[in-house]
Amino acid sequence: MKVGIDIMGGDFAPDAVIEGIVLAYNDMPSDVSLVLIGPENIIKQKLRDNNFSHNSFEIVHAPDTVAMGEAPTKVFTQKPESSIVKGFSLIKEEKIDAFISAGNSGAMLVGAIYSSSLIEGLSRPPILAHVPYENGKFGIILDVGANIDCKPENLVQFAILGSVYANIILKINNPKVGLINIGEEPAKGNILTQTTYQLLKDTKNINFIGNIEGWDLFTGKADVMVCDGFIGNIILKQTEGFYHMLVKHKLINSYFEQFNYERHGGSPVLGIKSTVIVGHGISNPKTIKTMIFQAIDIHKARLSEKLATAIKNNINFVNN
């Protein structure tokens, strides 16, 4: 297996990315190799700075860099020699099995859709975040920012994808699916949530438990929590902000430390035919290391194939 890594992605690149690769190297399975994508001279110099030989890796020269604020759609036409575009070219040519980057998240999503392609029957790919529960276990919330405006059928597909992820990756048997809303009653919420509720109730192969509210998010009431990317991104960033406030005031304990983003790596893009992990812009070396092993676990679990099967089994209903 080959994992491609965007060396220039993230606020602290290339140093944090190279240091993360060095941290991960000795613990990697023998059947996994890393492909470093970025300016070759910078990669080699940074490896030397960390007392590491460049001969341990495959290097793909990509001299251009994509800034965080650049328009995602223009990146692929105006910067074909950038590390993100090169990475997705390698995915499309099947020269790497997974691609990770803490760079421009919009460009990563565009690349995931158009270079890897969506699995058949899926209309939009969501990204997810892990949520720690008081009982020591984890659930997931999706979407957390890829799709700001959604239709009910999009949320139904997110529920299906999330259920498979929770089962395969988190090892949760028959994961409980909850729809994030402003009340538990079926008639609560806006047109999107009311319609989605009825669709989820009739969707086969998922364990839909109904609406969940804001105070349910960290209790374990649901294993898979579904919402549009607008709501999900607000929840995600509010949680991160709360964690940093706790750190600032030295109120951290073992539970709240689970909210530390570096423990969870990045956000996998679900519903595409390859493994793509989008990292936080402020990813540090520990986060990069975690992302590498996250990509390995997801690819080896053949998650994309199992997601495709799940969507296929529900496609007739979703498209009605």
Protein backbone atom coordinates (compact mmCIF):
# COMPACT_ATOMS: atom_id res chain seq x y z
CA MET A 1 0.00 0.00 0.00
CA LYS A 2 1.18 3.52 -0.84
CA VAL A 3 0.10 6.63 1.08
CA GLY A 4 0.62 9.98 -0.64
CA ILE A 5 1.29 12.97 1.61
CA ASP A 6 1.01 16.65 0.69
CA ILE A 7 4.20 18.06 2.18
CA MET A 8 3.13 21.68 1.68
CA GLY A 9 -0.35 21.34 3.22
CA GLY A 10 -1.13 23.12 6.48
CA ASP A 11 -0.21 26.24 8.42
CA PHE A 12 3.01 24.67 9.72
CA ALA A 13 4.12 22.91 6.55
CA PRO A 14 6.56 21.64 5.51
CA ASP A 15 8.20 21.23 8.95
CA ALA A 16 5.22 19.76 10.81
CA VAL A 17 4.45 17.36 7.95
CA ILE A 18 8.01 16.06 7.67
CA GLU A 19 8.29 15.69 11.46
CA GLY A 20 5.00 13.77 11.48
CA ILE A 21 6.28 11.44 8.78
CA VAL A 22 9.44 10.78 10.78
CA LEU A 23 7.31 10.03 13.88
CA ALA A 24 5.21 7.54 11.91
CA TYR A 25 7.96 5.83 9.94
CA ASN A 26 9.24 3.26 12.43
CA ASP A 27 5.73 2.17 13.47
CA MET A 28 4.38 1.62 9.96
CA PRO A 29 3.48 -1.88 8.71
CA SER A 30 6.09 -3.40 6.42
CA ASP A 31 3.68 -3.43 3.47
CA VAL A 32 3.11 0.36 3.59
CA SER A 33 5.29 2.96 1.90
CA LEU A 34 5.00 6.74 1.85
CA VAL A 35 5.04 8.98 -1.21
CA LEU A 36 6.08 12.53 -0.38
CA ILE A 37 4.60 15.14 -2.73
CA GLY A 38 6.07 18.64 -2.86
CA PRO A 39 9.20 20.57 -3.87
CA GLU A 40 11.93 17.93 -4.04
CA ASN A 41 14.73 20.16 -2.73
CA ILE A 42 12.67 21.22 0.29
CA ILE A 43 11.68 17.63 1.08
CA LYS A 44 15.27 16.39 0.97
CA GLN A 45 16.54 19.31 3.07
CA LYS A 46 13.87 18.88 5.72
CA LEU A 47 14.55 15.16 5.93
CA ARG A 48 18.26 15.87 6.41
CA ASP A 49 17.36 18.36 9.13
CA ASN A 50 15.59 15.49 10.90
CA ASN A 51 18.52 13.10 10.36
CA PHE A 52 16.48 11.02 7.94
CA SER A 53 17.47 9.71 4.52
CA HIS A 54 15.31 10.61 1.54
CA ASN A 55 16.02 7.13 0.19
CA SER A 56 13.42 5.80 2.63
CA PHE A 57 10.66 7.44 0.60
CA GLU A 58 9.40 7.95 -2.92
CA ILE A 59 9.41 11.66 -3.77
CA VAL A 60 7.14 13.26 -6.37
CA HIS A 61 8.28 16.74 -7.32
CA ALA A 62 5.53 19.36 -7.09
CA PRO A 63 7.01 22.88 -7.11
CA ASP A 64 3.79 24.88 -6.68
CA THR A 65 1.92 25.53 -3.43
CA VAL A 66 -1.81 26.05 -2.90
CA ALA A 67 -2.62 28.78 -0.36
CA MET A 68 -5.48 28.27 2.09
CA GLY A 69 -7.55 31.10 0.59
CA GLU A 70 -7.29 30.15 -3.08
CA ALA A 71 -10.45 29.30 -5.00
CA PRO A 72 -10.67 25.48 -5.05
CA THR A 73 -11.94 25.14 -8.62
CA LYS A 74 -9.16 27.35 -10.01
CA VAL A 75 -6.41 25.33 -8.33
CA PHE A 76 -6.80 22.43 -10.75
CA THR A 77 -6.60 24.61 -13.85
CA GLN A 78 -4.07 27.20 -12.71
CA LYS A 79 -1.72 25.14 -10.54
CA PRO A 80 -1.27 21.71 -12.13
CA GLU A 81 2.20 21.41 -10.57
CA SER A 82 0.97 21.92 -7.00
CA SER A 83 1.20 19.17 -4.39
CA ILE A 84 -2.59 18.83 -4.07
CA VAL A 85 -3.17 18.48 -7.82
CA LYS A 86 -0.22 16.08 -8.17
CA GLY A 87 -1.60 14.02 -5.29
CA PHE A 88 -4.97 13.59 -6.94
CA SER A 89 -3.31 12.80 -10.25
CA LEU A 90 -1.51 9.94 -8.52
CA ILE A 91 -4.83 8.77 -7.02
CA LYS A 92 -6.49 8.83 -10.45
CA GLU A 93 -3.59 6.93 -12.03
CA GLU A 94 -3.75 4.40 -9.14
CA LYS A 95 -0.12 5.08 -8.24
CA ILE A 96 -1.08 5.71 -4.62
CA ASP A 97 -3.87 4.14 -2.55
CA ALA A 98 -4.55 7.03 -0.20
CA PHE A 99 -3.88 10.76 -0.10
CA ILE A 100 -3.70 13.02 2.95
CA SER A 101 -3.32 16.77 3.25
CA ALA A 102 -3.80 19.50 5.86
CA GLY A 103 -3.95 22.08 3.08
CA ASN A 104 -6.79 23.89 1.30
CA SER A 105 -9.86 21.84 2.32
CA GLY A 106 -11.97 23.15 -0.57
CA ALA A 107 -9.38 22.01 -3.10
CA MET A 108 -9.18 18.64 -1.35
CA LEU A 109 -12.94 18.16 -1.69
CA VAL A 110 -12.96 19.22 -5.34
CA GLY A 111 -10.09 16.86 -6.05
CA ALA A 112 -11.76 14.01 -4.20
CA ILE A 113 -14.92 14.33 -6.28
CA TYR A 114 -13.42 14.90 -9.72
CA SER A 115 -10.17 12.94 -9.53
CA SER A 116 -11.31 9.99 -7.49
CA SER A 117 -15.01 10.13 -8.44
CA LEU A 118 -18.07 9.42 -6.34
CA ILE A 119 -19.32 5.91 -5.79
CA GLU A 120 -22.29 5.09 -8.01
CA GLY A 121 -25.59 6.45 -6.75
CA LEU A 122 -24.14 8.98 -4.31
CA SER A 123 -25.00 12.62 -4.89
CA ARG A 124 -22.55 14.32 -2.47
CA PRO A 125 -19.62 13.22 -0.31
CA PRO A 126 -19.66 14.24 3.37
CA ILE A 127 -16.77 14.61 5.77
CA LEU A 128 -17.02 13.48 9.36
CA ALA A 129 -15.59 14.22 12.78
CA HIS A 130 -15.16 11.94 15.78
CA VAL A 131 -17.05 12.80 18.95
CA PRO A 132 -15.88 11.53 22.37
CA TYR A 133 -18.53 10.26 24.78
CA GLU A 134 -18.50 10.24 28.55
CA ASN A 135 -18.40 6.43 28.57
CA GLY A 136 -15.01 6.42 26.83
CA LYS A 137 -16.35 5.46 23.40
CA PHE A 138 -16.63 7.54 20.24
CA GLY A 139 -19.33 8.42 17.79
CA ILE A 140 -19.29 10.46 14.60
CA ILE A 141 -21.01 13.55 13.26
CA LEU A 142 -21.47 14.24 9.56
CA ASP A 143 -21.46 16.38 7.53
CA VAL A 144 -19.07 18.87 9.18
CA GLY A 145 -18.55 21.29 6.34
CA ALA A 146 -18.46 19.79 2.85
CA ASN A 147 -22.11 20.43 2.00
CA ILE A 148 -23.61 23.66 3.30
CA ASP A 149 -27.00 23.36 1.58
CA CYS A 150 -28.49 19.87 1.60
CA LYS A 151 -31.60 18.09 0.44
CA PRO A 152 -33.28 15.38 2.54
CA GLU A 153 -31.92 12.60 0.32
CA ASN A 154 -28.38 13.89 0.98
CA LEU A 155 -28.86 13.48 4.72
CA VAL A 156 -30.27 9.99 4.22
CA GLN A 157 -27.14 9.01 2.31
CA PHE A 158 -24.95 10.58 5.02
CA ALA A 159 -26.74 8.35 7.54
CA ILE A 160 -26.05 5.25 5.44
CA LEU A 161 -22.37 6.15 4.94
CA GLY A 162 -21.94 7.02 8.61
CA SER A 163 -23.50 3.74 9.72
CA VAL A 164 -21.06 1.73 7.62
CA TYR A 165 -18.11 3.79 8.88
CA ALA A 166 -19.17 3.37 12.51
CA ASN A 167 -19.53 -0.38 12.03
CA ILE A 168 -16.33 -1.02 10.04
CA ILE A 169 -13.91 1.50 11.55
CA LEU A 170 -15.29 2.09 15.06
CA LYS A 171 -16.46 -1.53 15.45
CA ILE A 172 -19.95 -0.52 16.61
CA ASN A 173 -22.56 -3.20 16.03
CA ASN A 174 -25.84 -1.87 14.60
CA PRO A 175 -24.91 1.79 15.20
CA LYS A 176 -27.69 4.11 16.34
CA VAL A 177 -28.42 6.99 13.94
CA GLY A 178 -29.78 10.29 15.23
CA LEU A 179 -30.89 13.35 13.24
CA ILE A 180 -29.68 16.60 14.86
CA ASN A 181 -32.68 18.83 15.45
CA ILE A 182 -34.15 21.40 17.85
CA GLY A 183 -36.47 18.86 19.48
CA GLU A 184 -37.17 15.14 19.68
CA GLU A 185 -40.64 15.21 18.15
CA PRO A 186 -40.91 14.21 14.46
CA ALA A 187 -42.61 17.49 13.54
CA LYS A 188 -39.83 19.65 15.03
CA GLY A 189 -37.37 21.65 12.96
CA ASN A 190 -37.44 23.09 9.47
CA ILE A 191 -38.60 21.57 6.19
CA LEU A 192 -35.23 19.83 5.72
CA THR A 193 -35.25 18.01 9.06
CA GLN A 194 -38.98 17.22 8.99
CA THR A 195 -38.73 15.62 5.56
CA THR A 196 -35.46 13.86 6.39
CA TYR A 197 -37.01 12.37 9.53
CA GLN A 198 -39.71 10.63 7.51
CA LEU A 199 -37.20 9.34 4.95
CA LEU A 200 -34.83 8.02 7.61
CA LYS A 201 -37.68 6.28 9.39
CA ASP A 202 -38.36 4.30 6.20
CA THR A 203 -34.72 3.66 5.20
CA LYS A 204 -33.67 0.04 5.40
CA ASN A 205 -30.39 -1.21 6.87
CA ILE A 206 -29.92 1.63 9.36
CA ASN A 207 -30.89 1.86 13.02
CA PHE A 208 -32.63 5.24 13.11
CA ILE A 209 -33.57 6.30 16.66
CA GLY A 210 -35.13 9.67 15.79
CA ASN A 211 -34.18 13.27 16.48
CA ILE A 212 -31.44 14.21 18.93
CA GLU A 213 -30.84 17.63 20.46
CA GLY A 214 -27.75 19.66 21.25
CA TRP A 215 -27.43 18.27 24.77
CA ASP A 216 -27.34 14.70 23.36
CA LEU A 217 -24.18 15.20 21.30
CA PHE A 218 -21.68 13.88 23.85
CA THR A 219 -23.82 11.39 25.75
CA GLY A 220 -23.68 8.40 23.40
CA LYS A 221 -27.41 8.51 22.70
CA ALA A 222 -26.56 8.12 19.00
CA ASP A 223 -23.45 6.64 17.38
CA VAL A 224 -23.98 8.45 14.08
CA MET A 225 -25.25 12.04 14.22
CA VAL A 226 -26.49 13.50 10.94
CA CYS A 227 -26.85 17.13 9.88
CA ASP A 228 -26.03 19.44 6.98
CA GLY A 229 -22.51 20.85 6.70
CA PHE A 230 -23.59 24.29 7.90
CA ILE A 231 -24.77 23.01 11.29
CA GLY A 232 -22.00 20.41 11.52
CA ASN A 233 -19.22 22.92 10.94
CA ILE A 234 -20.58 25.26 13.61
CA ILE A 235 -20.76 22.37 16.10
CA LEU A 236 -17.23 21.25 15.22
CA LYS A 237 -15.66 24.69 15.61
CA GLN A 238 -17.63 25.50 18.73
CA THR A 239 -16.33 22.26 20.28
CA GLU A 240 -12.75 23.08 19.29
CA GLY A 241 -13.12 26.57 20.73
CA PHE A 242 -14.48 25.20 23.99
CA TYR A 243 -11.54 22.78 24.23
CA HIS A 244 -9.00 25.57 23.75
CA MET A 245 -10.78 27.65 26.40
CA LEU A 246 -10.50 24.75 28.86
CA VAL A 247 -6.80 24.41 28.08
CA LYS A 248 -6.28 28.14 28.58
CA HIS A 249 -7.90 28.00 32.02
CA LYS A 250 -6.17 24.69 32.91
CA LEU A 251 -9.45 22.84 33.35
CA ILE A 252 -8.52 19.81 31.25
CA ASN A 253 -9.12 16.28 32.51
CA SER A 254 -8.85 12.89 30.80
CA TYR A 255 -12.29 13.22 29.21
CA PHE A 256 -11.91 16.72 27.83
CA GLU A 257 -8.46 15.85 26.49
CA GLN A 258 -10.28 13.57 24.04
CA PHE A 259 -11.44 16.73 22.25
CA ASN A 260 -7.83 17.48 21.26
CA TYR A 261 -7.87 17.38 17.45
CA GLU A 262 -4.36 15.91 17.23
CA ARG A 263 -5.64 12.65 18.73
CA HIS A 264 -8.04 12.02 15.86
CA GLY A 265 -6.08 12.97 12.76
CA GLY A 266 -8.16 14.31 9.91
CA SER A 267 -11.62 13.98 8.42
CA PRO A 268 -12.10 11.21 5.85
CA VAL A 269 -14.09 12.08 2.76
CA LEU A 270 -16.78 9.40 2.54
CA GLY A 271 -18.37 8.13 -0.64
CA ILE A 272 -15.47 8.33 -3.07
CA LYS A 273 -13.62 5.45 -4.70
CA SER A 274 -10.35 6.02 -2.86
CA THR A 275 -9.09 7.01 0.59
CA VAL A 276 -8.72 10.76 1.11
CA ILE A 277 -8.12 12.40 4.49
CA VAL A 278 -8.54 16.16 4.97
CA GLY A 279 -6.51 17.49 7.90
CA HIS A 280 -6.96 20.54 10.09
CA GLY A 281 -4.95 23.53 8.89
CA ILE A 282 -3.15 23.75 12.24
CA SER A 283 -2.13 20.09 12.20
CA ASN A 284 1.06 19.39 14.14
CA PRO A 285 3.46 16.41 13.77
CA LYS A 286 1.35 14.17 16.04
CA THR A 287 -1.72 14.93 13.95
CA ILE A 288 0.11 14.09 10.72
CA LYS A 289 1.25 10.78 12.20
CA THR A 290 -2.33 9.98 13.23
CA MET A 291 -3.60 10.85 9.76
CA ILE A 292 -1.14 8.42 8.18
CA PHE A 293 -2.36 5.51 10.31
CA GLN A 294 -5.95 6.62 9.83
CA ALA A 295 -5.49 6.34 6.05
CA ILE A 296 -3.87 2.92 6.42
CA ASP A 297 -6.73 1.58 8.58
CA ILE A 298 -9.45 2.92 6.28
CA HIS A 299 -7.84 1.56 3.11
CA LYS A 300 -7.09 -1.86 4.58
CA ALA A 301 -10.67 -2.12 5.84
CA ARG A 302 -11.83 -1.66 2.19
CA LEU A 303 -14.19 1.01 3.42
CA SER A 304 -14.92 2.56 0.01
CA GLU A 305 -16.06 -0.81 -1.36
CA LYS A 306 -18.36 -1.39 1.60
CA LEU A 307 -19.79 2.11 1.33
CA ALA A 308 -20.51 1.50 -2.36
CA THR A 309 -22.39 -1.69 -1.49
CA ALA A 310 -24.45 0.11 1.16
CA ILE A 311 -25.46 2.90 -1.21
CA LYS A 312 -26.29 0.40 -3.94
CA ASN A 313 -28.59 -1.51 -1.59
CA ASN A 314 -30.50 1.68 -0.78
CA ILE A 315 -30.25 3.47 -4.13
CA ASN A 316 -33.75 2.65 -5.38
CA PHE A 317 -35.30 4.12 -2.26
CA VAL A 318 -33.09 7.20 -2.11
CA ASN A 319 -33.73 8.06 -5.74
CA ASN A 320 -37.52 7.73 -5.47
